[in-house]
Amino acid sequence: MDQLVIAPLTPADTEQFYALAAEYLPHSDPERMRRFASAYPAAYQTVHLDKQLIGVCYGWFRRHFAPEDPSFTLDGICISYAHWRKGYGAKLLRAFEDAARSYGAPAVSAGSGQEAEAFYIACGYAPKEYKCWTDGKPTIEHTYTSLEDYRTYQRQNPDGFVVMEKML
């Protein structure tokens, strides 16, 4: 039987953690990731399958960049392609949510491209806003009022992303 272990990042996994993040999450900022790793170590989670690192996630309080937002943001989550659609991502996300809860966060938020939106909704997240990049900053194009609004809203800019949120 496969042995699955989800646990906070250890020094032994650090190099591989950042390599996997760079491969699957190329838009993440490695300097920012390293800076917040010491402040929020429980939010830097790993997934090992038979002692092989197959997934990572990480995040921090959103208030560092948006003081009015009390949520804990999931900045990145990935599972290696060979292990997709086996439930490992959902288990990793739950471990991250537990870490956010331990830091006193009232909610977890995540920006999501279309390929991951169904994953977040299946994990109990609600679409909150549709944002697009304008002059190098994310700007709100639409605030969702319901899941039906999310499903029927016609996105004007297909390169945007949905902010998902789950109350803890």
Protein backbone atom coordinates (compact mmCIF):
# COMPACT_ATOMS: atom_id res chain seq x y z
CA MET A 1 0.00 0.00 0.00
CA ASP A 2 1.24 3.50 -0.85
CA GLN A 3 2.33 5.60 2.10
CA LEU A 4 1.10 9.19 1.87
CA VAL A 5 2.56 11.74 4.29
CA ILE A 6 1.52 15.38 4.45
CA ALA A 7 3.69 17.50 6.71
CA PRO A 8 5.28 20.93 7.05
CA LEU A 9 8.42 21.62 5.06
CA THR A 10 11.62 20.26 6.62
CA PRO A 11 15.18 21.44 5.95
CA ALA A 12 15.87 18.15 4.13
CA ASP A 13 13.11 18.91 1.59
CA THR A 14 13.81 22.62 1.09
CA GLU A 15 15.74 22.39 -2.18
CA GLN A 16 13.28 19.98 -3.75
CA PHE A 17 10.31 22.01 -2.41
CA TYR A 18 11.48 25.14 -4.24
CA ALA A 19 12.40 23.18 -7.38
CA LEU A 20 8.91 21.66 -7.58
CA ALA A 21 7.32 25.07 -6.98
CA ALA A 22 9.49 26.61 -9.73
CA GLU A 23 8.50 23.86 -12.17
CA TYR A 24 4.75 23.89 -11.55
CA LEU A 25 4.21 27.43 -10.27
CA PRO A 26 6.59 29.55 -12.35
CA HIS A 27 4.89 32.85 -11.49
CA SER A 28 5.59 32.51 -7.78
CA ASP A 29 8.20 34.83 -6.34
CA PRO A 30 10.98 32.70 -4.76
CA GLU A 31 12.28 35.60 -2.68
CA ARG A 32 8.82 36.24 -1.22
CA MET A 33 8.31 32.53 -0.64
CA ARG A 34 11.57 32.23 1.31
CA ARG A 35 10.83 35.36 3.33
CA PHE A 36 7.46 34.11 4.54
CA ALA A 37 8.62 30.52 5.12
CA SER A 38 10.19 31.52 8.42
CA ALA A 39 7.16 33.57 9.51
CA TYR A 40 4.57 30.90 8.64
CA PRO A 41 6.35 27.51 8.67
CA ALA A 42 3.14 25.51 9.20
CA ALA A 43 1.74 26.99 5.97
CA TYR A 44 4.57 25.46 3.92
CA GLN A 45 3.25 21.94 3.44
CA THR A 46 4.62 18.95 1.54
CA VAL A 47 3.13 15.72 0.24
CA HIS A 48 5.28 12.61 0.08
CA LEU A 49 4.17 9.39 -1.56
CA ASP A 50 6.42 6.49 -0.61
CA LYS A 51 9.02 9.02 0.58
CA GLN A 52 9.03 10.88 -2.77
CA LEU A 53 8.03 14.57 -2.71
CA ILE A 54 5.07 14.88 -5.09
CA GLY A 55 3.44 18.13 -4.02
CA VAL A 56 3.82 21.41 -2.16
CA CYS A 57 1.77 24.39 -1.04
CA TYR A 58 2.52 27.65 0.73
CA GLY A 59 1.03 30.97 1.73
CA TRP A 60 0.75 33.79 4.24
CA PHE A 61 -1.62 36.42 5.55
CA ARG A 62 -3.02 38.53 2.74
CA ARG A 63 -2.79 41.62 4.97
CA HIS A 64 0.90 41.89 4.10
CA PHE A 65 -0.22 43.20 0.69
CA ALA A 66 -3.84 44.19 1.27
CA PRO A 67 -4.26 45.45 4.86
CA GLU A 68 -8.07 45.31 4.66
CA ASP A 69 -8.07 41.56 3.85
CA PRO A 70 -7.84 39.26 6.92
CA SER A 71 -7.66 36.03 4.91
CA PHE A 72 -4.70 33.71 4.67
CA THR A 73 -3.74 33.46 1.03
CA LEU A 74 -2.72 30.25 -0.66
CA ASP A 75 -0.01 31.57 -2.94
CA GLY A 76 0.79 28.24 -4.57
CA ILE A 77 -0.25 24.60 -4.59
CA CYS A 78 0.84 21.84 -6.93
CA ILE A 79 0.93 18.08 -7.29
CA SER A 80 3.24 16.49 -9.85
CA TYR A 81 1.36 15.55 -13.03
CA ALA A 82 1.80 11.80 -12.53
CA HIS A 83 -0.22 12.07 -9.31
CA TRP A 84 -3.10 14.32 -10.41
CA ARG A 85 -6.72 13.44 -9.76
CA LYS A 86 -6.02 11.01 -6.94
CA GLY A 87 -7.19 13.23 -4.08
CA TYR A 88 -3.70 14.30 -2.96
CA GLY A 89 -4.29 17.96 -3.80
CA ALA A 90 -7.46 18.11 -1.71
CA LYS A 91 -5.65 16.52 1.25
CA LEU A 92 -2.78 18.98 0.85
CA LEU A 93 -5.25 21.87 0.72
CA ARG A 94 -6.91 20.68 3.95
CA ALA A 95 -3.50 20.63 5.67
CA PHE A 96 -2.93 24.20 4.48
CA GLU A 97 -6.35 25.25 5.79
CA ASP A 98 -5.51 23.70 9.17
CA ALA A 99 -2.28 25.72 9.23
CA ALA A 100 -4.15 28.93 8.36
CA ARG A 101 -6.64 28.18 11.13
CA SER A 102 -3.75 27.67 13.59
CA TYR A 103 -2.53 31.19 12.74
CA GLY A 104 -5.99 32.59 13.52
CA ALA A 105 -7.12 33.27 9.96
CA PRO A 106 -10.89 33.52 9.44
CA ALA A 107 -10.67 32.38 5.81
CA VAL A 108 -8.37 31.09 3.08
CA SER A 109 -8.25 32.86 -0.27
CA ALA A 110 -6.65 31.73 -3.50
CA GLY A 111 -6.30 33.19 -6.97
CA SER A 112 -7.17 30.60 -9.57
CA GLY A 113 -6.88 30.22 -13.31
CA GLN A 114 -9.67 28.41 -15.12
CA GLU A 115 -7.91 25.06 -14.98
CA ALA A 116 -8.14 24.96 -11.15
CA GLU A 117 -11.45 26.69 -10.46
CA ALA A 118 -13.46 23.45 -10.37
CA PHE A 119 -10.93 21.98 -7.91
CA TYR A 120 -11.42 24.85 -5.47
CA ILE A 121 -15.21 24.77 -5.77
CA ALA A 122 -15.18 21.01 -5.12
CA CYS A 123 -13.10 21.72 -1.99
CA GLY A 124 -15.70 24.15 -0.62
CA TYR A 125 -14.40 27.46 -1.96
CA ALA A 126 -16.70 30.15 -3.28
CA PRO A 127 -15.84 32.45 -6.19
CA LYS A 128 -15.46 35.96 -4.78
CA GLU A 129 -14.07 38.19 -7.56
CA TYR A 130 -12.82 38.12 -11.11
CA LYS A 131 -9.61 40.12 -11.43
CA CYS A 132 -7.49 41.20 -14.37
CA TRP A 133 -4.06 42.77 -14.56
CA THR A 134 -4.09 46.51 -15.28
CA ASP A 135 -0.86 48.49 -15.25
CA GLY A 136 0.86 45.65 -13.40
CA LYS A 137 -1.77 45.45 -10.64
CA PRO A 138 -4.76 43.16 -10.20
CA THR A 139 -8.02 45.06 -10.55
CA ILE A 140 -11.52 43.78 -9.86
CA GLU A 141 -13.53 43.28 -13.04
CA HIS A 142 -16.51 41.64 -11.34
CA THR A 143 -17.64 40.72 -7.81
CA TYR A 144 -19.60 37.48 -7.74
CA THR A 145 -22.89 37.43 -5.86
CA SER A 146 -23.49 33.67 -6.09
CA LEU A 147 -22.28 30.46 -7.67
CA GLU A 148 -24.89 30.99 -10.39
CA ASP A 149 -23.45 34.46 -11.07
CA TYR A 150 -20.01 32.84 -11.37
CA ARG A 151 -21.31 30.25 -13.84
CA THR A 152 -23.11 32.77 -16.05
CA TYR A 153 -20.75 35.75 -15.93
CA GLN A 154 -19.15 36.46 -19.32
CA ARG A 155 -15.50 37.28 -18.71
CA GLN A 156 -14.39 40.25 -20.76
CA ASN A 157 -10.72 39.45 -20.32
CA PRO A 158 -9.91 35.73 -20.62
CA ASP A 159 -6.48 36.27 -19.08
CA GLY A 160 -7.87 37.14 -15.65
CA PHE A 161 -8.23 34.99 -12.56
CA VAL A 162 -10.88 34.20 -9.99
CA VAL A 163 -10.30 34.87 -6.32
CA MET A 164 -11.74 31.93 -4.39
CA GLU A 165 -12.45 32.03 -0.66
CA LYS A 166 -13.35 29.54 2.02
CA MET A 167 -14.41 30.54 5.51
CA LEU A 168 -12.68 28.52 8.21
